[in-house]
Amino acid sequence: MAIIEARGLARTFTSRKRTVEAVRGVDLTVADGEIVGFLGPNGAGKTTTLRMLTTLLSPTAGTATVAGADLLRDPVGVRKRIGYVPQAIGMTMGGTDPACLVGEELTDQAALYHIDKAEGTRRAATLTAQLDLSGLEKRLVKTLSGGQRRRLEIALGLVHNPRLVFLDEPTTGLDPQSRSNLWEHIGRLRSELGTTIFLTTHYLEEADILCDRVFIIDNGVIVAEGTPDELKRRISGDVVTLRVNCAPEEATELLGGQPLVREISTTDDALKLTVEHGEEALPLLLRVLDNAGITLHSINLARPTLDDVFLTLTGRSLRDDSPHAAAEPALQTAGKE
């Protein structure tokens, strides 16, 4: 069952000087219970798409159903059924106050969704336990660490029990240990609560570890989708590097004729082979060399990363993005919507 179904979703920004097609017809389907990663360089349309799906920006064209509600005809219904945790701490729907207590923030957020005080208190207790915030209910928000503050933001987005949560750059600014801990908590949202998670991130390792599927957007359109492993195999395959003790020419000829070898190149005594499913190909390659009496000095198996995929598809690394890169039109005009 699809919890997000978008077809031809588009957004155009027009000013006196120019017209910008920020999103040019996005089609995507997210199944109930998935963790989906949404990746794209700055200016690719990622933020604009996210803002449309969360009702913060009206589409110029296209249709979408989000959590069972029509995005255009029933935006209030969408808002009631989703959670949204934006990148900037302190900007969750309903707002936060650094001078408030953690427990008060959660019960106040519940009240915004017309949840009575007793039920709001119960949900707050459940979320603080699930997100390792127990014992912090009487702490001021401003005294929390970055990781604690981020977990509180996620709790605020979950207090009304949404089926679908949008997490925008959830671990930006966190240290590696806090980031790893938050990955664990995000995984538990799906495994323990059945929550569908739509995740944007600039950390490709994050998408690789957490996401069932990944969408890559560039120039306003989806350029690839699939599981992280599918995308990596589709773009480049695995690379096996063999260093032989003798007869490199014979080894090259023997291995180059194997059906599972897509490409082969040599440098001195090193043979570099591009194959699919390297862990399965490696025993077969070794058997061919052993039957020919060719011994090995070393073996190395390297798998492509999502950054390799991103570089191939967009011509640049996602990690090349910086705060100085051009912002998407949605951010430049957000105050005019």
C-alpha atoms as a PDB file:
ATOM      1  CA  MET A   1       0.000   0.000   0.000  1.00  0.00           C
ATOM      2  CA  ALA A   2       1.386   3.421  -0.987  1.00  0.00           C
ATOM      3  CA  ILE A   3       1.534   6.101   1.692  1.00  0.00           C
ATOM      4  CA  ILE A   4       2.933   8.673  -0.763  1.00  0.00           C
ATOM      5  CA  GLU A   5       1.864   8.706  -4.406  1.00  0.00           C
ATOM      6  CA  ALA A   6       3.007  11.693  -6.472  1.00  0.00           C
ATOM      7  CA  ARG A   7       2.592  12.128 -10.212  1.00  0.00           C
ATOM      8  CA  GLY A   8       3.917  15.009 -12.287  1.00  0.00           C
ATOM      9  CA  LEU A   9       4.557  17.142  -9.203  1.00  0.00           C
ATOM     10  CA  ALA A  10       6.031  20.445 -10.356  1.00  0.00           C
ATOM     11  CA  ARG A  11       6.801  23.902  -9.066  1.00  0.00           C
ATOM     12  CA  THR A  12       7.704  26.985 -11.086  1.00  0.00           C
ATOM     13  CA  PHE A  13       8.852  30.286  -9.610  1.00  0.00           C
ATOM     14  CA  THR A  14       8.288  33.427 -11.637  1.00  0.00           C
ATOM     15  CA  SER A  15       9.717  36.883 -11.079  1.00  0.00           C
ATOM     16  CA  ARG A  16      10.053  39.943 -13.276  1.00  0.00           C
ATOM     17  CA  LYS A  17      13.475  38.841 -14.428  1.00  0.00           C
ATOM     18  CA  ARG A  18      13.107  35.102 -14.965  1.00  0.00           C
ATOM     19  CA  THR A  19      11.119  31.899 -14.567  1.00  0.00           C
ATOM     20  CA  VAL A  20      12.682  28.977 -12.731  1.00  0.00           C
ATOM     21  CA  GLU A  21      11.371  25.413 -12.983  1.00  0.00           C
ATOM     22  CA  ALA A  22      12.561  24.189  -9.581  1.00  0.00           C
ATOM     23  CA  VAL A  23      10.711  20.861  -9.860  1.00  0.00           C
ATOM     24  CA  ARG A  24       9.793  19.642 -13.338  1.00  0.00           C
ATOM     25  CA  GLY A  25       7.505  16.668 -12.871  1.00  0.00           C
ATOM     26  CA  VAL A  26       8.376  14.347 -10.002  1.00  0.00           C
ATOM     27  CA  ASP A  27       6.872  10.856  -9.899  1.00  0.00           C
ATOM     28  CA  LEU A  28       7.425   8.839  -6.746  1.00  0.00           C
ATOM     29  CA  THR A  29       5.739   6.110  -4.746  1.00  0.00           C
ATOM     30  CA  VAL A  30       6.546   5.278  -1.120  1.00  0.00           C
ATOM     31  CA  ALA A  31       5.127   2.133   0.465  1.00  0.00           C
ATOM     32  CA  ASP A  32       3.693   2.047   3.961  1.00  0.00           C
ATOM     33  CA  GLY A  33       6.444   1.171   6.443  1.00  0.00           C
ATOM     34  CA  GLU A  34       9.422   2.074   4.252  1.00  0.00           C
ATOM     35  CA  ILE A  35      12.398   4.228   5.124  1.00  0.00           C
ATOM     36  CA  VAL A  36      13.087   6.226   1.980  1.00  0.00           C
ATOM     37  CA  GLY A  37      16.040   8.494   1.319  1.00  0.00           C
ATOM     38  CA  PHE A  38      15.657  11.587  -0.869  1.00  0.00           C
ATOM     39  CA  LEU A  39      19.020  12.817  -2.134  1.00  0.00           C
ATOM     40  CA  GLY A  40      19.985  15.746  -4.293  1.00  0.00           C
ATOM     41  CA  PRO A  41      22.572  18.515  -4.566  1.00  0.00           C
ATOM     42  CA  ASN A  42      21.700  22.066  -3.635  1.00  0.00           C
ATOM     43  CA  GLY A  43      19.359  23.560  -6.220  1.00  0.00           C
ATOM     44  CA  ALA A  44      18.235  20.157  -7.521  1.00  0.00           C
ATOM     45  CA  GLY A  45      14.639  20.506  -6.284  1.00  0.00           C
ATOM     46  CA  LYS A  46      14.934  18.382  -3.136  1.00  0.00           C
ATOM     47  CA  THR A  47      13.794  21.023  -0.655  1.00  0.00           C
ATOM     48  CA  THR A  48      11.052  22.289  -2.970  1.00  0.00           C
ATOM     49  CA  THR A  49       9.653  18.752  -3.336  1.00  0.00           C
ATOM     50  CA  LEU A  50       9.762  18.209   0.410  1.00  0.00           C
ATOM     51  CA  ARG A  51       7.964  21.474   1.054  1.00  0.00           C
ATOM     52  CA  MET A  52       5.244  20.532  -1.429  1.00  0.00           C
ATOM     53  CA  LEU A  53       4.710  17.081   0.106  1.00  0.00           C
ATOM     54  CA  THR A  54       4.389  18.633   3.580  1.00  0.00           C
ATOM     55  CA  THR A  55       1.869  21.296   2.360  1.00  0.00           C
ATOM     56  CA  LEU A  56       4.289  24.181   2.991  1.00  0.00           C
ATOM     57  CA  LEU A  57       4.357  25.026  -0.707  1.00  0.00           C
ATOM     58  CA  SER A  58       1.605  24.675  -3.311  1.00  0.00           C
ATOM     59  CA  PRO A  59       2.470  22.711  -6.464  1.00  0.00           C
ATOM     60  CA  THR A  60       2.253  24.472  -9.812  1.00  0.00           C
ATOM     61  CA  ALA A  61       1.190  21.198 -11.431  1.00  0.00           C
ATOM     62  CA  GLY A  62       0.737  17.533 -10.645  1.00  0.00           C
ATOM     63  CA  THR A  63      -1.113  15.497  -8.060  1.00  0.00           C
ATOM     64  CA  ALA A  64      -0.195  13.686  -4.866  1.00  0.00           C
ATOM     65  CA  THR A  65      -1.792  11.638  -2.115  1.00  0.00           C
ATOM     66  CA  VAL A  66       0.032  11.792   1.211  1.00  0.00           C
ATOM     67  CA  ALA A  67      -0.978   9.523   4.106  1.00  0.00           C
ATOM     68  CA  GLY A  68      -4.336   8.932   2.454  1.00  0.00           C
ATOM     69  CA  ALA A  69      -5.225  12.609   1.970  1.00  0.00           C
ATOM     70  CA  ASP A  70      -5.197  14.551  -1.288  1.00  0.00           C
ATOM     71  CA  LEU A  71      -2.415  17.110  -1.234  1.00  0.00           C
ATOM     72  CA  LEU A  72      -4.359  19.748  -3.167  1.00  0.00           C
ATOM     73  CA  ARG A  73      -7.930  19.174  -1.960  1.00  0.00           C
ATOM     74  CA  ASP A  74      -7.215  18.282   1.660  1.00  0.00           C
ATOM     75  CA  PRO A  75      -3.964  19.884   2.895  1.00  0.00           C
ATOM     76  CA  VAL A  76      -5.305  20.037   6.464  1.00  0.00           C
ATOM     77  CA  GLY A  77      -5.905  16.292   6.336  1.00  0.00           C
ATOM     78  CA  VAL A  78      -2.299  15.787   5.230  1.00  0.00           C
ATOM     79  CA  ARG A  79      -0.988  17.905   8.114  1.00  0.00           C
ATOM     80  CA  LYS A  80      -3.015  15.953  10.662  1.00  0.00           C
ATOM     81  CA  ARG A  81      -1.551  12.653   9.473  1.00  0.00           C
ATOM     82  CA  ILE A  82       2.129  13.486   9.026  1.00  0.00           C
ATOM     83  CA  GLY A  83       5.001  14.488  11.262  1.00  0.00           C
ATOM     84  CA  TYR A  84       7.590  16.961  10.023  1.00  0.00           C
ATOM     85  CA  VAL A  85      10.995  17.593  11.577  1.00  0.00           C
ATOM     86  CA  PRO A  86      12.827  20.338   9.671  1.00  0.00           C
ATOM     87  CA  GLN A  87      16.568  20.714   9.535  1.00  0.00           C
ATOM     88  CA  ALA A  88      16.817  23.745  11.815  1.00  0.00           C
ATOM     89  CA  ILE A  89      16.366  22.885  15.479  1.00  0.00           C
ATOM     90  CA  GLY A  90      13.504  24.756  17.076  1.00  0.00           C
ATOM     91  CA  MET A  91      11.301  25.021  13.975  1.00  0.00           C
ATOM     92  CA  THR A  92       9.015  21.995  14.375  1.00  0.00           C
ATOM     93  CA  MET A  93       5.346  22.675  13.576  1.00  0.00           C
ATOM     94  CA  GLY A  94       3.998  24.386  16.694  1.00  0.00           C
ATOM     95  CA  GLY A  95       7.361  25.925  17.615  1.00  0.00           C
ATOM     96  CA  THR A  96       9.681  25.317  20.540  1.00  0.00           C
ATOM     97  CA  ASP A  97      10.849  27.498  23.407  1.00  0.00           C
ATOM     98  CA  PRO A  98      14.395  27.087  24.802  1.00  0.00           C
ATOM     99  CA  ALA A  99      13.071  28.340  28.161  1.00  0.00           C
ATOM    100  CA  CYS A 100      10.439  25.551  28.366  1.00  0.00           C
ATOM    101  CA  LEU A 101      10.836  22.202  30.067  1.00  0.00           C
ATOM    102  CA  VAL A 102      11.183  19.110  27.868  1.00  0.00           C
ATOM    103  CA  GLY A 103       8.007  17.548  29.267  1.00  0.00           C
ATOM    104  CA  GLU A 104       6.048  20.762  28.755  1.00  0.00           C
ATOM    105  CA  GLU A 105       7.154  20.992  25.142  1.00  0.00           C
ATOM    106  CA  LEU A 106       5.791  17.535  24.425  1.00  0.00           C
ATOM    107  CA  THR A 107       2.452  18.031  26.188  1.00  0.00           C
ATOM    108  CA  ASP A 108       2.023  21.474  24.583  1.00  0.00           C
ATOM    109  CA  GLN A 109       2.669  19.946  21.157  1.00  0.00           C
ATOM    110  CA  ALA A 110       0.069  17.273  21.876  1.00  0.00           C
ATOM    111  CA  ALA A 111      -2.436  19.981  22.826  1.00  0.00           C
ATOM    112  CA  LEU A 112      -1.941  21.616  19.412  1.00  0.00           C
ATOM    113  CA  TYR A 113      -3.341  18.413  17.917  1.00  0.00           C
ATOM    114  CA  HIS A 114      -6.327  18.523  20.323  1.00  0.00           C
ATOM    115  CA  ILE A 115      -5.012  15.640  22.417  1.00  0.00           C
ATOM    116  CA  ASP A 116      -6.233  15.892  26.019  1.00  0.00           C
ATOM    117  CA  LYS A 117      -3.751  16.456  28.828  1.00  0.00           C
ATOM    118  CA  ALA A 118      -3.837  12.908  30.245  1.00  0.00           C
ATOM    119  CA  GLU A 119      -3.294  11.301  26.857  1.00  0.00           C
ATOM    120  CA  GLY A 120      -0.652  13.892  25.953  1.00  0.00           C
ATOM    121  CA  THR A 121       1.236  13.123  29.165  1.00  0.00           C
ATOM    122  CA  ARG A 122       1.057   9.402  28.424  1.00  0.00           C
ATOM    123  CA  ARG A 123       2.372   9.869  24.890  1.00  0.00           C
ATOM    124  CA  ALA A 124       5.136  12.160  26.141  1.00  0.00           C
ATOM    125  CA  ALA A 125       6.269   9.479  28.589  1.00  0.00           C
ATOM    126  CA  THR A 126       6.254   6.834  25.863  1.00  0.00           C
ATOM    127  CA  LEU A 127       8.289   8.971  23.466  1.00  0.00           C
ATOM    128  CA  THR A 128      10.851  10.039  26.050  1.00  0.00           C
ATOM    129  CA  ALA A 129      11.449   6.358  26.822  1.00  0.00           C
ATOM    130  CA  GLN A 130      11.680   5.355  23.154  1.00  0.00           C
ATOM    131  CA  LEU A 131      14.076   8.177  22.272  1.00  0.00           C
ATOM    132  CA  ASP A 132      16.287   7.975  25.365  1.00  0.00           C
ATOM    133  CA  LEU A 133      14.977  11.211  26.866  1.00  0.00           C
ATOM    134  CA  SER A 134      13.767   9.678  30.142  1.00  0.00           C
ATOM    135  CA  GLY A 135      14.829  11.722  33.140  1.00  0.00           C
ATOM    136  CA  LEU A 136      15.097  14.915  31.099  1.00  0.00           C
ATOM    137  CA  GLU A 137      11.440  15.956  31.424  1.00  0.00           C
ATOM    138  CA  LYS A 138      12.279  18.645  33.992  1.00  0.00           C
ATOM    139  CA  ARG A 139      15.277  19.974  32.062  1.00  0.00           C
ATOM    140  CA  LEU A 140      15.096  23.231  30.111  1.00  0.00           C
ATOM    141  CA  VAL A 141      15.313  22.708  26.360  1.00  0.00           C
ATOM    142  CA  LYS A 142      18.254  25.116  26.112  1.00  0.00           C
ATOM    143  CA  THR A 143      20.325  22.902  28.428  1.00  0.00           C
ATOM    144  CA  LEU A 144      20.115  19.824  26.188  1.00  0.00           C
ATOM    145  CA  SER A 145      23.017  18.592  24.084  1.00  0.00           C
ATOM    146  CA  GLY A 146      22.734  18.654  20.298  1.00  0.00           C
ATOM    147  CA  GLY A 147      21.810  14.969  20.116  1.00  0.00           C
ATOM    148  CA  GLN A 148      19.242  15.279  22.914  1.00  0.00           C
ATOM    149  CA  ARG A 149      17.737  18.355  21.312  1.00  0.00           C
ATOM    150  CA  ARG A 150      17.431  16.578  17.980  1.00  0.00           C
ATOM    151  CA  ARG A 151      15.725  13.586  19.592  1.00  0.00           C
ATOM    152  CA  LEU A 152      13.293  15.981  21.257  1.00  0.00           C
ATOM    153  CA  GLU A 153      12.526  17.498  17.848  1.00  0.00           C
ATOM    154  CA  ILE A 154      11.723  14.034  16.514  1.00  0.00           C
ATOM    155  CA  ALA A 155       9.546  13.296  19.559  1.00  0.00           C
ATOM    156  CA  LEU A 156       7.609  16.513  18.894  1.00  0.00           C
ATOM    157  CA  GLY A 157       6.997  15.346  15.331  1.00  0.00           C
ATOM    158  CA  LEU A 158       5.677  12.004  16.594  1.00  0.00           C
ATOM    159  CA  VAL A 159       3.474  13.044  19.520  1.00  0.00           C
ATOM    160  CA  HIS A 160       0.270  12.810  17.464  1.00  0.00           C
ATOM    161  CA  ASN A 161       1.132   9.272  16.258  1.00  0.00           C
ATOM    162  CA  PRO A 162       1.556  10.053  12.538  1.00  0.00           C
ATOM    163  CA  ARG A 163       1.828   7.194  10.072  1.00  0.00           C
ATOM    164  CA  LEU A 164       4.384   9.162   8.054  1.00  0.00           C
ATOM    165  CA  VAL A 165       7.269  11.332   9.251  1.00  0.00           C
ATOM    166  CA  PHE A 166       9.404  13.660   7.140  1.00  0.00           C
ATOM    167  CA  LEU A 167      12.922  14.116   8.550  1.00  0.00           C
ATOM    168  CA  ASP A 168      14.891  16.901   6.879  1.00  0.00           C
ATOM    169  CA  GLU A 169      18.642  16.482   7.441  1.00  0.00           C
ATOM    170  CA  PRO A 170      18.043  14.912  10.881  1.00  0.00           C
ATOM    171  CA  THR A 171      21.714  14.528  11.865  1.00  0.00           C
ATOM    172  CA  THR A 172      23.198  17.742  10.468  1.00  0.00           C
ATOM    173  CA  GLY A 173      25.540  19.334  12.985  1.00  0.00           C
ATOM    174  CA  LEU A 174      25.760  16.294  15.263  1.00  0.00           C
ATOM    175  CA  ASP A 175      29.027  14.642  16.278  1.00  0.00           C
ATOM    176  CA  PRO A 176      29.664  11.108  14.930  1.00  0.00           C
ATOM    177  CA  GLN A 177      28.553   9.350  18.122  1.00  0.00           C
ATOM    178  CA  SER A 178      25.304  11.338  18.370  1.00  0.00           C
ATOM    179  CA  ARG A 179      24.686  10.727  14.660  1.00  0.00           C
ATOM    180  CA  SER A 180      25.147   6.977  15.074  1.00  0.00           C
ATOM    181  CA  ASN A 181      22.832   6.940  18.089  1.00  0.00           C
ATOM    182  CA  LEU A 182      20.172   8.832  16.168  1.00  0.00           C
ATOM    183  CA  TRP A 183      20.425   6.348  13.287  1.00  0.00           C
ATOM    184  CA  GLU A 184      19.541   3.627  15.768  1.00  0.00           C
ATOM    185  CA  HIS A 185      16.528   5.583  17.020  1.00  0.00           C
ATOM    186  CA  ILE A 186      15.303   6.269  13.484  1.00  0.00           C
ATOM    187  CA  GLY A 187      15.512   2.568  12.652  1.00  0.00           C
ATOM    188  CA  ARG A 188      13.471   1.758  15.743  1.00  0.00           C
ATOM    189  CA  LEU A 189      10.706   4.155  14.696  1.00  0.00           C
ATOM    190  CA  ARG A 190       9.987   1.824  11.807  1.00  0.00           C
ATOM    191  CA  SER A 191      10.712  -1.506  13.516  1.00  0.00           C
ATOM    192  CA  GLU A 192       8.794  -0.756  16.737  1.00  0.00           C
ATOM    193  CA  LEU A 193       6.126   1.732  15.654  1.00  0.00           C
ATOM    194  CA  GLY A 194       5.714   0.881  11.968  1.00  0.00           C
ATOM    195  CA  THR A 195       6.344   4.520  11.039  1.00  0.00           C
ATOM    196  CA  THR A 196       7.085   5.364   7.412  1.00  0.00           C
ATOM    197  CA  ILE A 197      10.059   7.715   7.177  1.00  0.00           C
ATOM    198  CA  PHE A 198      10.854  10.081   4.308  1.00  0.00           C
ATOM    199  CA  LEU A 199      14.422  11.195   4.928  1.00  0.00           C
ATOM    200  CA  THR A 200      16.562  13.858   3.270  1.00  0.00           C
ATOM    201  CA  THR A 201      20.260  13.786   4.015  1.00  0.00           C
ATOM    202  CA  HIS A 202      23.664  14.921   2.802  1.00  0.00           C
ATOM    203  CA  TYR A 203      25.340  11.990   4.532  1.00  0.00           C
ATOM    204  CA  LEU A 204      25.451   9.179   1.984  1.00  0.00           C
ATOM    205  CA  GLU A 205      26.513   6.684   4.640  1.00  0.00           C
ATOM    206  CA  GLU A 206      23.295   7.572   6.461  1.00  0.00           C
ATOM    207  CA  ALA A 207      21.185   6.754   3.416  1.00  0.00           C
ATOM    208  CA  ASP A 208      23.142   3.541   2.823  1.00  0.00           C
ATOM    209  CA  ILE A 209      22.605   2.301   6.380  1.00  0.00           C
ATOM    210  CA  LEU A 210      19.032   3.436   7.033  1.00  0.00           C
ATOM    211  CA  CYS A 211      17.124   3.447   3.764  1.00  0.00           C
ATOM    212  CA  ASP A 212      15.206   0.654   2.084  1.00  0.00           C
ATOM    213  CA  ARG A 213      15.132   2.705  -1.106  1.00  0.00           C
ATOM    214  CA  VAL A 214      16.718   5.899  -2.360  1.00  0.00           C
ATOM    215  CA  PHE A 215      15.454   8.548  -4.784  1.00  0.00           C
ATOM    216  CA  ILE A 216      18.017  10.846  -6.420  1.00  0.00           C
ATOM    217  CA  ILE A 217      16.761  14.160  -7.798  1.00  0.00           C
ATOM    218  CA  ASP A 218      18.732  16.469 -10.076  1.00  0.00           C
ATOM    219  CA  ASN A 219      17.609  19.453 -12.143  1.00  0.00           C
ATOM    220  CA  GLY A 220      14.063  19.052 -10.848  1.00  0.00           C
ATOM    221  CA  VAL A 221      13.498  15.423 -11.912  1.00  0.00           C
ATOM    222  CA  ILE A 222      14.098  11.997 -10.380  1.00  0.00           C
ATOM    223  CA  VAL A 223      17.160  10.570 -12.143  1.00  0.00           C
ATOM    224  CA  ALA A 224      17.383   7.249 -10.273  1.00  0.00           C
ATOM    225  CA  GLU A 225      15.620   5.147  -7.669  1.00  0.00           C
ATOM    226  CA  GLY A 226      16.214   1.780  -6.068  1.00  0.00           C
ATOM    227  CA  THR A 227      17.769   0.130  -3.070  1.00  0.00           C
ATOM    228  CA  PRO A 228      21.289   1.356  -2.242  1.00  0.00           C
ATOM    229  CA  ASP A 229      22.741  -1.961  -3.455  1.00  0.00           C
ATOM    230  CA  GLU A 230      20.731  -1.868  -6.700  1.00  0.00           C
ATOM    231  CA  LEU A 231      21.930   1.647  -7.479  1.00  0.00           C
ATOM    232  CA  LYS A 232      25.552   0.780  -6.773  1.00  0.00           C
ATOM    233  CA  ARG A 233      25.445  -2.339  -8.962  1.00  0.00           C
ATOM    234  CA  ARG A 234      23.619  -0.510 -11.745  1.00  0.00           C
ATOM    235  CA  ILE A 235      26.184   2.272 -11.983  1.00  0.00           C
ATOM    236  CA  SER A 236      29.600   0.681 -11.591  1.00  0.00           C
ATOM    237  CA  GLY A 237      29.723  -2.844 -10.213  1.00  0.00           C
ATOM    238  CA  ASP A 238      32.324  -4.194  -7.785  1.00  0.00           C
ATOM    239  CA  VAL A 239      36.066  -3.889  -8.418  1.00  0.00           C
ATOM    240  CA  VAL A 240      38.398  -6.833  -7.766  1.00  0.00           C
ATOM    241  CA  THR A 241      42.118  -6.047  -7.748  1.00  0.00           C
ATOM    242  CA  LEU A 242      44.484  -9.008  -8.042  1.00  0.00           C
ATOM    243  CA  ARG A 243      48.291  -8.927  -7.863  1.00  0.00           C
ATOM    244  CA  VAL A 244      49.805 -12.029  -9.420  1.00  0.00           C
ATOM    245  CA  ASN A 245      53.262 -13.418  -8.774  1.00  0.00           C
ATOM    246  CA  CYS A 246      53.827 -14.350 -12.423  1.00  0.00           C
ATOM    247  CA  ALA A 247      52.309 -14.395 -15.919  1.00  0.00           C
ATOM    248  CA  PRO A 248      50.187 -11.213 -15.715  1.00  0.00           C
ATOM    249  CA  GLU A 249      49.491 -11.344 -19.472  1.00  0.00           C
ATOM    250  CA  GLU A 250      48.188 -14.902 -19.262  1.00  0.00           C
ATOM    251  CA  ALA A 251      46.082 -14.011 -16.208  1.00  0.00           C
ATOM    252  CA  THR A 252      44.609 -11.023 -18.034  1.00  0.00           C
ATOM    253  CA  GLU A 253      43.684 -13.182 -21.029  1.00  0.00           C
ATOM    254  CA  LEU A 254      42.157 -15.921 -18.904  1.00  0.00           C
ATOM    255  CA  LEU A 255      40.105 -13.621 -16.668  1.00  0.00           C
ATOM    256  CA  GLY A 256      39.103 -11.230 -19.461  1.00  0.00           C
ATOM    257  CA  GLY A 257      37.339 -14.120 -21.198  1.00  0.00           C
ATOM    258  CA  GLN A 258      35.098 -14.881 -18.216  1.00  0.00           C
ATOM    259  CA  PRO A 259      31.413 -13.887 -18.761  1.00  0.00           C
ATOM    260  CA  LEU A 260      31.155 -12.339 -15.302  1.00  0.00           C
ATOM    261  CA  VAL A 261      33.968  -9.850 -15.991  1.00  0.00           C
ATOM    262  CA  ARG A 262      32.623  -6.566 -17.401  1.00  0.00           C
ATOM    263  CA  GLU A 263      35.951  -4.745 -17.698  1.00  0.00           C
ATOM    264  CA  ILE A 264      39.606  -5.555 -17.062  1.00  0.00           C
ATOM    265  CA  SER A 265      42.720  -3.378 -16.989  1.00  0.00           C
ATOM    266  CA  THR A 266      46.320  -3.956 -15.909  1.00  0.00           C
ATOM    267  CA  THR A 267      48.925  -1.831 -14.161  1.00  0.00           C
ATOM    268  CA  ASP A 268      52.325  -3.499 -13.650  1.00  0.00           C
ATOM    269  CA  ASP A 269      51.423  -6.765 -11.867  1.00  0.00           C
ATOM    270  CA  ALA A 270      47.942  -5.593 -10.759  1.00  0.00           C
ATOM    271  CA  LEU A 271      44.787  -6.683 -12.558  1.00  0.00           C
ATOM    272  CA  LYS A 272      41.692  -4.569 -11.952  1.00  0.00           C
ATOM    273  CA  LEU A 273      38.408  -6.280 -12.846  1.00  0.00           C
ATOM    274  CA  THR A 274      34.909  -4.808 -12.772  1.00  0.00           C
ATOM    275  CA  VAL A 275      32.335  -7.461 -11.927  1.00  0.00           C
ATOM    276  CA  GLU A 276      28.839  -7.758 -10.536  1.00  0.00           C
ATOM    277  CA  HIS A 277      28.384  -9.397  -7.130  1.00  0.00           C
ATOM    278  CA  GLY A 278      32.083  -9.402  -6.315  1.00  0.00           C
ATOM    279  CA  GLU A 279      31.701 -11.758  -3.341  1.00  0.00           C
ATOM    280  CA  GLU A 280      30.270 -14.390  -5.701  1.00  0.00           C
ATOM    281  CA  ALA A 281      32.675 -13.704  -8.561  1.00  0.00           C
ATOM    282  CA  LEU A 282      35.861 -13.832  -6.507  1.00  0.00           C
ATOM    283  CA  PRO A 283      35.920 -17.644  -5.863  1.00  0.00           C
ATOM    284  CA  LEU A 284      35.352 -18.308  -9.575  1.00  0.00           C
ATOM    285  CA  LEU A 285      38.174 -15.976 -10.591  1.00  0.00           C
ATOM    286  CA  LEU A 286      40.560 -17.577  -8.111  1.00  0.00           C
ATOM    287  CA  ARG A 287      39.649 -21.028  -9.395  1.00  0.00           C
ATOM    288  CA  VAL A 288      40.504 -20.008 -12.970  1.00  0.00           C
ATOM    289  CA  LEU A 289      43.937 -18.753 -11.905  1.00  0.00           C
ATOM    290  CA  ASP A 290      44.601 -21.764  -9.696  1.00  0.00           C
ATOM    291  CA  ASN A 291      43.787 -24.176 -12.524  1.00  0.00           C
ATOM    292  CA  ALA A 292      46.347 -22.323 -14.660  1.00  0.00           C
ATOM    293  CA  GLY A 293      48.978 -22.537 -11.931  1.00  0.00           C
ATOM    294  CA  ILE A 294      49.066 -18.761 -11.413  1.00  0.00           C
ATOM    295  CA  THR A 295      49.631 -17.735  -7.796  1.00  0.00           C
ATOM    296  CA  LEU A 296      48.546 -14.514  -6.124  1.00  0.00           C
ATOM    297  CA  HIS A 297      50.392 -11.926  -4.075  1.00  0.00           C
ATOM    298  CA  SER A 298      47.269 -10.054  -2.874  1.00  0.00           C
ATOM    299  CA  ILE A 299      43.515  -9.697  -3.384  1.00  0.00           C
ATOM    300  CA  ASN A 300      41.243  -6.721  -2.784  1.00  0.00           C
ATOM    301  CA  LEU A 301      37.473  -6.366  -3.256  1.00  0.00           C
ATOM    302  CA  ALA A 302      36.041  -2.836  -3.343  1.00  0.00           C
ATOM    303  CA  ARG A 303      32.374  -1.998  -3.628  1.00  0.00           C
ATOM    304  CA  PRO A 304      31.100   1.304  -5.041  1.00  0.00           C
ATOM    305  CA  THR A 305      29.586   3.824  -2.658  1.00  0.00           C
ATOM    306  CA  LEU A 306      26.468   5.938  -3.023  1.00  0.00           C
ATOM    307  CA  ASP A 307      28.829   8.841  -3.591  1.00  0.00           C
ATOM    308  CA  ASP A 308      30.122   7.018  -6.702  1.00  0.00           C
ATOM    309  CA  VAL A 309      26.512   6.640  -7.847  1.00  0.00           C
ATOM    310  CA  PHE A 310      25.791  10.292  -7.175  1.00  0.00           C
ATOM    311  CA  LEU A 311      28.910  11.415  -9.023  1.00  0.00           C
ATOM    312  CA  THR A 312      28.028   9.282 -12.053  1.00  0.00           C
ATOM    313  CA  LEU A 313      24.431  10.513 -12.231  1.00  0.00           C
ATOM    314  CA  THR A 314      24.864  14.205 -11.457  1.00  0.00           C
ATOM    315  CA  GLY A 315      28.490  14.912 -12.370  1.00  0.00           C
ATOM    316  CA  ARG A 316      29.323  15.996  -8.835  1.00  0.00           C
ATOM    317  CA  SER A 317      29.683  14.577  -5.355  1.00  0.00           C
ATOM    318  CA  LEU A 318      26.918  15.216  -2.868  1.00  0.00           C
ATOM    319  CA  ARG A 319      29.630  16.100  -0.375  1.00  0.00           C
ATOM    320  CA  ASP A 320      30.686  19.007  -2.595  1.00  0.00           C
ATOM    321  CA  ASP A 321      27.633  20.924  -1.401  1.00  0.00           C
ATOM    322  CA  SER A 322      28.317  23.733   1.029  1.00  0.00           C
ATOM    323  CA  PRO A 323      26.357  26.452   2.807  1.00  0.00           C
ATOM    324  CA  HIS A 324      27.648  28.824   0.142  1.00  0.00           C
ATOM    325  CA  ALA A 325      26.060  26.927  -2.738  1.00  0.00           C
ATOM    326  CA  ALA A 326      23.020  28.420  -4.429  1.00  0.00           C
ATOM    327  CA  ALA A 327      19.783  27.918  -2.505  1.00  0.00           C
ATOM    328  CA  GLU A 328      16.689  26.526  -4.152  1.00  0.00           C
ATOM    329  CA  PRO A 329      14.100  29.049  -5.320  1.00  0.00           C
ATOM    330  CA  ALA A 330      11.692  27.729  -2.660  1.00  0.00           C
ATOM    331  CA  LEU A 331      13.951  29.016   0.058  1.00  0.00           C
ATOM    332  CA  GLN A 332      14.489  32.343  -1.624  1.00  0.00           C
ATOM    333  CA  THR A 333      10.766  32.976  -2.003  1.00  0.00           C
ATOM    334  CA  ALA A 334       9.384  31.157   1.018  1.00  0.00           C
ATOM    335  CA  GLY A 335       8.312  34.377   2.632  1.00  0.00           C
ATOM    336  CA  LYS A 336       6.195  35.279  -0.395  1.00  0.00           C
ATOM    337  CA  GLU A 337       4.096  32.124  -0.390  1.00  0.00           C
END
